[in-house]
C-alpha atoms as a PDB file:
ATOM      1  CA  MET A   1     -37.784  24.483 -87.898  1.00  0.00           C
ATOM      2  CA  PRO A   2     -34.532  25.804 -86.316  1.00  0.00           C
ATOM      3  CA  THR A   3     -34.723  27.061 -82.730  1.00  0.00           C
ATOM      4  CA  SER A   4     -32.456  29.076 -80.443  1.00  0.00           C
ATOM      5  CA  GLN A   5     -30.588  26.795 -78.062  1.00  0.00           C
ATOM      6  CA  THR A   6     -29.667  29.685 -75.750  1.00  0.00           C
ATOM      7  CA  LEU A   7     -33.255  30.905 -75.530  1.00  0.00           C
ATOM      8  CA  SER A   8     -34.482  27.364 -74.950  1.00  0.00           C
ATOM      9  CA  ARG A   9     -31.966  26.884 -72.140  1.00  0.00           C
ATOM     10  CA  GLY A  10     -32.969  30.175 -70.538  1.00  0.00           C
ATOM     11  CA  ILE A  11     -36.621  29.200 -70.532  1.00  0.00           C
ATOM     12  CA  ARG A  12     -35.719  25.782 -69.176  1.00  0.00           C
ATOM     13  CA  VAL A  13     -33.812  27.414 -66.292  1.00  0.00           C
ATOM     14  CA  LEU A  14     -36.928  29.411 -65.404  1.00  0.00           C
ATOM     15  CA  GLU A  15     -38.983  26.210 -65.466  1.00  0.00           C
ATOM     16  CA  ILE A  16     -36.466  24.395 -63.243  1.00  0.00           C
ATOM     17  CA  VAL A  17     -36.379  27.177 -60.671  1.00  0.00           C
ATOM     18  CA  ALA A  18     -40.162  27.647 -60.682  1.00  0.00           C
ATOM     19  CA  ALA A  19     -40.809  23.914 -60.226  1.00  0.00           C
ATOM     20  CA  SER A  20     -38.386  23.478 -57.324  1.00  0.00           C
ATOM     21  CA  SER A  21     -39.739  23.485 -53.765  1.00  0.00           C
ATOM     22  CA  THR A  22     -36.359  24.806 -52.538  1.00  0.00           C
ATOM     23  CA  TYR A  23     -33.919  27.427 -53.764  1.00  0.00           C
ATOM     24  CA  LEU A  24     -31.223  25.931 -55.991  1.00  0.00           C
ATOM     25  CA  SER A  25     -27.492  26.436 -56.389  1.00  0.00           C
ATOM     26  CA  ILE A  26     -25.899  27.163 -59.760  1.00  0.00           C
ATOM     27  CA  ALA A  27     -24.393  23.676 -59.705  1.00  0.00           C
ATOM     28  CA  GLU A  28     -27.824  22.114 -59.175  1.00  0.00           C
ATOM     29  CA  VAL A  29     -29.324  24.107 -62.038  1.00  0.00           C
ATOM     30  CA  ALA A  30     -26.408  23.149 -64.290  1.00  0.00           C
ATOM     31  CA  ALA A  31     -26.890  19.469 -63.438  1.00  0.00           C
ATOM     32  CA  GLU A  32     -30.603  19.648 -64.161  1.00  0.00           C
ATOM     33  CA  LEU A  33     -29.933  21.502 -67.405  1.00  0.00           C
ATOM     34  CA  GLU A  34     -27.117  19.056 -68.280  1.00  0.00           C
ATOM     35  CA  VAL A  35     -24.619  21.817 -69.098  1.00  0.00           C
ATOM     36  CA  HIS A  36     -21.316  23.038 -67.652  1.00  0.00           C
ATOM     37  CA  ARG A  37     -21.572  25.275 -64.600  1.00  0.00           C
ATOM     38  CA  SER A  38     -20.151  28.247 -66.531  1.00  0.00           C
ATOM     39  CA  ILE A  39     -22.941  28.040 -69.118  1.00  0.00           C
ATOM     40  CA  ALA A  40     -25.605  27.891 -66.407  1.00  0.00           C
ATOM     41  CA  TYR A  41     -23.983  30.864 -64.663  1.00  0.00           C
ATOM     42  CA  ARG A  42     -24.131  33.035 -67.802  1.00  0.00           C
ATOM     43  CA  ILE A  43     -27.788  32.167 -68.376  1.00  0.00           C
ATOM     44  CA  ILE A  44     -28.677  32.910 -64.758  1.00  0.00           C
ATOM     45  CA  ARG A  45     -26.815  36.250 -64.830  1.00  0.00           C
ATOM     46  CA  THR A  46     -28.792  37.267 -67.939  1.00  0.00           C
ATOM     47  CA  LEU A  47     -32.075  36.342 -66.276  1.00  0.00           C
ATOM     48  CA  GLU A  48     -31.016  38.285 -63.169  1.00  0.00           C
ATOM     49  CA  ASN A  49     -30.402  41.368 -65.321  1.00  0.00           C
ATOM     50  CA  HIS A  50     -34.011  41.138 -66.488  1.00  0.00           C
ATOM     51  CA  ARG A  51     -35.286  40.667 -62.895  1.00  0.00           C
ATOM     52  CA  LEU A  52     -36.608  37.195 -63.677  1.00  0.00           C
ATOM     53  CA  LEU A  53     -34.302  35.480 -61.168  1.00  0.00           C
ATOM     54  CA  SER A  54     -32.341  36.609 -58.116  1.00  0.00           C
ATOM     55  CA  ARG A  55     -29.876  35.067 -55.668  1.00  0.00           C
ATOM     56  CA  ASP A  56     -29.880  35.254 -51.893  1.00  0.00           C
ATOM     57  CA  GLU A  57     -26.850  35.815 -49.648  1.00  0.00           C
ATOM     58  CA  ALA A  58     -25.883  32.154 -49.956  1.00  0.00           C
ATOM     59  CA  GLY A  59     -25.988  32.375 -53.750  1.00  0.00           C
ATOM     60  CA  LEU A  60     -29.115  30.245 -54.059  1.00  0.00           C
ATOM     61  CA  ILE A  61     -31.394  31.045 -56.980  1.00  0.00           C
ATOM     62  CA  ARG A  62     -35.012  32.074 -56.577  1.00  0.00           C
ATOM     63  CA  PRO A  63     -37.766  33.581 -58.774  1.00  0.00           C
ATOM     64  CA  ALA A  64     -37.701  37.380 -58.915  1.00  0.00           C
ATOM     65  CA  SER A  65     -40.305  40.124 -59.249  1.00  0.00           C
ATOM     66  CA  GLY A  66     -40.119  40.261 -63.039  1.00  0.00           C
ATOM     67  CA  LEU A  67     -41.796  36.862 -63.254  1.00  0.00           C
ATOM     68  CA  ALA A  68     -44.770  38.133 -61.262  1.00  0.00           C
ATOM     69  CA  VAL A  69     -45.152  41.044 -63.673  1.00  0.00           C
ATOM     70  CA  LEU A  70     -45.167  38.670 -66.645  1.00  0.00           C
ATOM     71  CA  ALA A  71     -47.552  36.261 -64.921  1.00  0.00           C
ATOM     72  CA  ARG A  72     -50.126  38.976 -64.236  1.00  0.00           C
ATOM     73  CA  SER A  73     -50.509  39.586 -67.963  1.00  0.00           C
ATOM     74  CA  VAL A  74     -51.308  35.928 -68.747  1.00  0.00           C
ATOM     75  CA  GLN A  75     -55.074  35.457 -69.108  1.00  0.00           C
ATOM     76  CA  ARG A  76     -55.499  38.692 -67.136  1.00  0.00           C
ATOM     77  CA  ASP A  77     -59.322  38.681 -67.105  1.00  0.00           C
ATOM     78  CA  LEU A  78     -59.492  35.027 -66.116  1.00  0.00           C
ATOM     79  CA  GLN A  79     -57.023  35.507 -63.262  1.00  0.00           C
ATOM     80  CA  ALA A  80     -58.864  38.592 -62.007  1.00  0.00           C
ATOM     81  CA  ALA A  81     -62.184  36.748 -61.997  1.00  0.00           C
ATOM     82  CA  ALA A  82     -60.722  33.644 -60.363  1.00  0.00           C
ATOM     83  CA  THR A  83     -58.674  35.217 -57.563  1.00  0.00           C
ATOM     84  CA  PRO A  84     -61.526  35.915 -55.082  1.00  0.00           C
ATOM     85  CA  GLU A  85     -63.135  32.549 -55.786  1.00  0.00           C
ATOM     86  CA  LEU A  86     -59.868  30.672 -55.247  1.00  0.00           C
ATOM     87  CA  THR A  87     -59.306  32.502 -51.974  1.00  0.00           C
ATOM     88  CA  THR A  88     -62.821  31.717 -50.753  1.00  0.00           C
ATOM     89  CA  LEU A  89     -62.538  28.051 -51.735  1.00  0.00           C
ATOM     90  CA  ALA A  90     -59.136  27.587 -50.109  1.00  0.00           C
ATOM     91  CA  ASN A  91     -60.188  29.046 -46.765  1.00  0.00           C
ATOM     92  CA  LYS A  92     -63.688  27.563 -46.729  1.00  0.00           C
ATOM     93  CA  LEU A  93     -62.522  24.039 -47.559  1.00  0.00           C
ATOM     94  CA  SER A  94     -59.034  24.207 -45.940  1.00  0.00           C
ATOM     95  CA  MET A  95     -57.571  22.940 -49.207  1.00  0.00           C
ATOM     96  CA  THR A  96     -55.301  24.400 -51.836  1.00  0.00           C
ATOM     97  CA  ALA A  97     -57.450  25.666 -54.698  1.00  0.00           C
ATOM     98  CA  PHE A  98     -56.098  26.222 -58.174  1.00  0.00           C
ATOM     99  CA  LEU A  99     -56.978  27.378 -61.662  1.00  0.00           C
ATOM    100  CA  ALA A 100     -55.747  25.223 -64.553  1.00  0.00           C
ATOM    101  CA  VAL A 101     -55.704  25.908 -68.291  1.00  0.00           C
ATOM    102  CA  TRP A 102     -55.130  23.768 -71.383  1.00  0.00           C
ATOM    103  CA  GLU A 103     -52.167  24.970 -73.438  1.00  0.00           C
ATOM    104  CA  HIS A 104     -50.017  23.081 -75.962  1.00  0.00           C
ATOM    105  CA  ASP A 105     -51.487  19.713 -74.907  1.00  0.00           C
ATOM    106  CA  LEU A 106     -50.490  20.362 -71.290  1.00  0.00           C
ATOM    107  CA  CYS A 107     -52.508  21.156 -68.195  1.00  0.00           C
ATOM    108  CA  THR A 108     -50.872  24.197 -66.579  1.00  0.00           C
ATOM    109  CA  THR A 109     -51.660  25.681 -63.179  1.00  0.00           C
ATOM    110  CA  LEU A 110     -52.187  29.396 -63.732  1.00  0.00           C
ATOM    111  CA  GLN A 111     -53.036  30.364 -60.149  1.00  0.00           C
ATOM    112  CA  SER A 112     -53.198  28.662 -56.778  1.00  0.00           C
ATOM    113  CA  VAL A 113     -54.203  29.737 -53.280  1.00  0.00           C
ATOM    114  CA  GLU A 114     -53.377  27.906 -50.060  1.00  0.00           C
ATOM    115  CA  PRO A 115     -55.650  28.200 -46.998  1.00  0.00           C
ATOM    116  CA  LEU A 116     -54.538  30.731 -44.412  1.00  0.00           C
ATOM    117  CA  HIS A 117     -55.079  28.612 -41.318  1.00  0.00           C
ATOM    118  CA  SER A 118     -54.027  25.150 -42.402  1.00  0.00           C
ATOM    119  CA  HIS A 119     -50.496  23.800 -42.145  1.00  0.00           C
ATOM    120  CA  SER A 120     -51.343  20.465 -43.751  1.00  0.00           C
ATOM    121  CA  ALA A 121     -52.606  21.691 -47.122  1.00  0.00           C
ATOM    122  CA  ILE A 122     -50.983  20.162 -50.200  1.00  0.00           C
ATOM    123  CA  VAL A 123     -48.670  22.619 -51.949  1.00  0.00           C
ATOM    124  CA  HIS A 124     -49.529  23.154 -55.609  1.00  0.00           C
ATOM    125  CA  ARG A 125     -47.590  25.999 -57.183  1.00  0.00           C
ATOM    126  CA  PRO A 126     -48.527  28.230 -60.136  1.00  0.00           C
ATOM    127  CA  GLY A 127     -46.635  27.065 -63.203  1.00  0.00           C
ATOM    128  CA  SER A 128     -46.990  23.394 -62.318  1.00  0.00           C
ATOM    129  CA  VAL A 129     -47.427  21.409 -65.520  1.00  0.00           C
ATOM    130  CA  HIS A 130     -48.504  17.853 -66.267  1.00  0.00           C
ATOM    131  CA  GLY A 131     -50.018  16.000 -69.173  1.00  0.00           C
ATOM    132  CA  MET A 132     -53.699  16.282 -70.012  1.00  0.00           C
ATOM    133  CA  ASP A 133     -53.877  12.511 -69.616  1.00  0.00           C
ATOM    134  CA  VAL A 134     -53.553  12.642 -65.808  1.00  0.00           C
ATOM    135  CA  GLY A 135     -55.361  14.535 -63.072  1.00  0.00           C
ATOM    136  CA  ALA A 136     -58.890  15.806 -62.493  1.00  0.00           C
ATOM    137  CA  ALA A 137     -58.193  19.282 -63.888  1.00  0.00           C
ATOM    138  CA  GLY A 138     -57.458  17.873 -67.351  1.00  0.00           C
ATOM    139  CA  ILE A 139     -60.481  15.585 -67.266  1.00  0.00           C
ATOM    140  CA  ALA A 140     -62.726  18.531 -66.356  1.00  0.00           C
ATOM    141  CA  ILE A 141     -61.385  20.521 -69.313  1.00  0.00           C
ATOM    142  CA  GLN A 142     -61.945  17.583 -71.672  1.00  0.00           C
ATOM    143  CA  SER A 143     -65.511  17.237 -70.376  1.00  0.00           C
ATOM    144  CA  MET A 144     -66.353  20.550 -72.058  1.00  0.00           C
ATOM    145  CA  TYR A 145     -66.200  18.629 -75.349  1.00  0.00           C
ATOM    146  CA  THR A 146     -67.866  15.528 -76.698  1.00  0.00           C
ATOM    147  CA  LYS A 147     -65.520  12.758 -77.825  1.00  0.00           C
ATOM    148  CA  GLU A 148     -66.189  13.691 -81.461  1.00  0.00           C
ATOM    149  CA  GLN A 149     -65.483  17.386 -80.837  1.00  0.00           C
ATOM    150  CA  TRP A 150     -62.247  16.552 -79.025  1.00  0.00           C
ATOM    151  CA  GLN A 151     -61.026  14.228 -81.761  1.00  0.00           C
ATOM    152  CA  ALA A 152     -61.655  16.962 -84.325  1.00  0.00           C
ATOM    153  CA  LEU A 153     -59.261  19.285 -82.493  1.00  0.00           C
ATOM    154  CA  ASP A 154     -55.571  19.596 -83.300  1.00  0.00           C
ATOM    155  CA  THR A 155     -54.355  17.489 -80.377  1.00  0.00           C
ATOM    156  CA  GLU A 156     -52.638  14.160 -79.840  1.00  0.00           C
ATOM    157  CA  ILE A 157     -54.208  13.675 -76.402  1.00  0.00           C
ATOM    158  CA  GLU A 158     -56.687  10.824 -76.174  1.00  0.00           C
ATOM    159  CA  TYR A 159     -60.201  11.519 -74.934  1.00  0.00           C
ATOM    160  CA  ARG A 160     -60.441   9.875 -71.519  1.00  0.00           C
ATOM    161  CA  ALA A 161     -63.450   7.764 -70.574  1.00  0.00           C
ATOM    162  CA  GLN A 162     -63.711   9.759 -67.330  1.00  0.00           C
ATOM    163  CA  ALA A 163     -64.338  12.905 -69.377  1.00  0.00           C
ATOM    164  CA  ARG A 164     -67.691  11.568 -70.548  1.00  0.00           C
ATOM    165  CA  GLU A 165     -68.646  10.787 -66.949  1.00  0.00           C
ATOM    166  CA  ALA A 166     -67.543  14.263 -65.896  1.00  0.00           C
ATOM    167  CA  ARG A 167     -69.625  15.737 -68.724  1.00  0.00           C
ATOM    168  CA  ILE A 168     -72.680  14.072 -67.188  1.00  0.00           C
ATOM    169  CA  ASP A 169     -71.848  14.744 -63.535  1.00  0.00           C
ATOM    170  CA  GLY A 170     -70.364  18.230 -63.937  1.00  0.00           C
ATOM    171  CA  TYR A 171     -67.147  17.381 -62.100  1.00  0.00           C
ATOM    172  CA  ALA A 172     -64.092  15.130 -62.300  1.00  0.00           C
ATOM    173  CA  THR A 173     -62.010  13.339 -59.688  1.00  0.00           C
ATOM    174  CA  SER A 174     -58.593  11.750 -59.638  1.00  0.00           C
ATOM    175  CA  GLU A 175     -56.472   9.988 -57.058  1.00  0.00           C
ATOM    176  CA  ASN A 176     -52.813   8.882 -57.105  1.00  0.00           C
ATOM    177  CA  GLU A 177     -52.440  10.049 -60.712  1.00  0.00           C
ATOM    178  CA  VAL A 178     -50.175  13.063 -60.345  1.00  0.00           C
ATOM    179  CA  ILE A 179     -48.831  12.429 -56.820  1.00  0.00           C
ATOM    180  CA  GLN A 180     -49.237   9.233 -54.792  1.00  0.00           C
ATOM    181  CA  GLY A 181     -51.693   9.681 -51.924  1.00  0.00           C
ATOM    182  CA  VAL A 182     -53.055  12.946 -53.311  1.00  0.00           C
ATOM    183  CA  ALA A 183     -56.560  13.448 -54.694  1.00  0.00           C
ATOM    184  CA  SER A 184     -58.152  16.231 -56.681  1.00  0.00           C
ATOM    185  CA  ILE A 185     -61.635  17.354 -57.634  1.00  0.00           C
ATOM    186  CA  ALA A 186     -62.177  19.717 -60.569  1.00  0.00           C
ATOM    187  CA  VAL A 187     -64.989  21.379 -62.474  1.00  0.00           C
ATOM    188  CA  PRO A 188     -64.901  23.086 -65.890  1.00  0.00           C
ATOM    189  CA  ILE A 189     -65.314  26.852 -66.128  1.00  0.00           C
ATOM    190  CA  PRO A 190     -68.243  27.243 -68.542  1.00  0.00           C
ATOM    191  CA  SER A 191     -67.110  30.326 -70.457  1.00  0.00           C
ATOM    192  CA  PRO A 192     -66.377  30.690 -74.184  1.00  0.00           C
ATOM    193  CA  LEU A 193     -64.547  33.951 -73.447  1.00  0.00           C
ATOM    194  CA  THR A 194     -61.366  32.356 -72.148  1.00  0.00           C
ATOM    195  CA  THR A 195     -58.970  29.531 -72.924  1.00  0.00           C
ATOM    196  CA  PRO A 196     -60.343  26.123 -71.804  1.00  0.00           C
ATOM    197  CA  ALA A 197     -59.954  26.092 -68.023  1.00  0.00           C
ATOM    198  CA  SER A 198     -60.976  24.293 -64.871  1.00  0.00           C
ATOM    199  CA  LEU A 199     -61.186  25.047 -61.168  1.00  0.00           C
ATOM    200  CA  ALA A 200     -59.851  22.443 -58.756  1.00  0.00           C
ATOM    201  CA  VAL A 201     -58.807  21.598 -55.232  1.00  0.00           C
ATOM    202  CA  VAL A 202     -56.071  19.204 -54.156  1.00  0.00           C
ATOM    203  CA  PHE A 203     -55.876  17.325 -50.844  1.00  0.00           C
ATOM    204  CA  ALA A 204     -54.569  14.210 -49.122  1.00  0.00           C
ATOM    205  CA  ALA A 205     -56.831  11.407 -50.324  1.00  0.00           C
ATOM    206  CA  SER A 206     -57.373  10.003 -46.829  1.00  0.00           C
ATOM    207  CA  THR A 207     -58.626  13.267 -45.310  1.00  0.00           C
ATOM    208  CA  VAL A 208     -61.973  13.737 -47.089  1.00  0.00           C
ATOM    209  CA  THR A 209     -64.747  11.166 -46.944  1.00  0.00           C
ATOM    210  CA  ASP A 210     -67.779  13.293 -47.916  1.00  0.00           C
ATOM    211  CA  ARG A 211     -66.914  15.152 -51.116  1.00  0.00           C
ATOM    212  CA  SER A 212     -70.398  16.460 -51.970  1.00  0.00           C
ATOM    213  CA  SER A 213     -69.886  19.820 -50.233  1.00  0.00           C
ATOM    214  CA  VAL A 214     -66.535  20.255 -52.000  1.00  0.00           C
ATOM    215  CA  ILE A 215     -68.127  19.572 -55.393  1.00  0.00           C
ATOM    216  CA  ARG A 216     -70.967  22.011 -54.706  1.00  0.00           C
ATOM    217  CA  ALA A 217     -68.536  24.752 -53.664  1.00  0.00           C
ATOM    218  CA  LEU A 218     -66.426  24.219 -56.793  1.00  0.00           C
ATOM    219  CA  LYS A 219     -69.443  24.329 -59.111  1.00  0.00           C
ATOM    220  CA  GLU A 220     -70.706  27.538 -57.531  1.00  0.00           C
ATOM    221  CA  ALA A 221     -67.273  29.163 -57.779  1.00  0.00           C
ATOM    222  CA  ALA A 222     -66.907  28.160 -61.443  1.00  0.00           C
ATOM    223  CA  LEU A 223     -70.284  29.699 -62.257  1.00  0.00           C
ATOM    224  CA  ASN A 224     -69.285  32.886 -60.426  1.00  0.00           C
ATOM    225  CA  ILE A 225     -66.123  33.111 -62.516  1.00  0.00           C
ATOM    226  CA  ALA A 226     -68.042  32.541 -65.750  1.00  0.00           C
ATOM    227  CA  GLU A 227     -70.544  35.243 -64.807  1.00  0.00           C
ATOM    228  CA  GLU A 228     -67.740  37.656 -63.951  1.00  0.00           C
ATOM    229  CA  LEU A 229     -66.217  37.013 -67.377  1.00  0.00           C
ATOM    230  CA  GLY A 230     -69.526  37.943 -68.917  1.00  0.00           C
ATOM    231  CA  SER A 231     -70.566  34.597 -70.315  1.00  0.00           C
END
């Protein structure tokens, strides 16, 4: 099926800017996009006109307010139900808490909240994407299905052995899978009224020895979200 190269490049620019921990120059975006600087400039100017990107006084590119408007409309009910629970988790546990969803065989972070009074929390930005075959958030989503149910779905992602364990235990863990030295704990959100989703926290693996209180807090928050959604 034919696709629009210009549209694809524009979306890719948004992904590059959103994934970067620093503001980027036009030259850096062009290099990442593997196009001439003039092509990158025209794409960026178009996205600026739609308030999806902006540039600071030094000409560095950053996300703009239009992206926030678009993001609020994605899984609106789920985000509304999750926001207070994410905030409570982040500040109670002093960890970054996030909401992940399964879309197009990828695990995408829809929302994240960092603790207010911790300067050592792991940064995990909304829009972060990784394969369903790594990380606790993806395992927790898979655990909502049996192996047979998963294999019957239209997906090329293998059913992980950890998903069966998570189905029994009610939570999933991972360490050094997405980022070296970083661990995550996740639980599924038990609601049929939303896209398959999980609630998770991310932290330096060496900082937490007793994880039982973290697991309990996550399970309670996930139930609260499901109840708020009406399931």
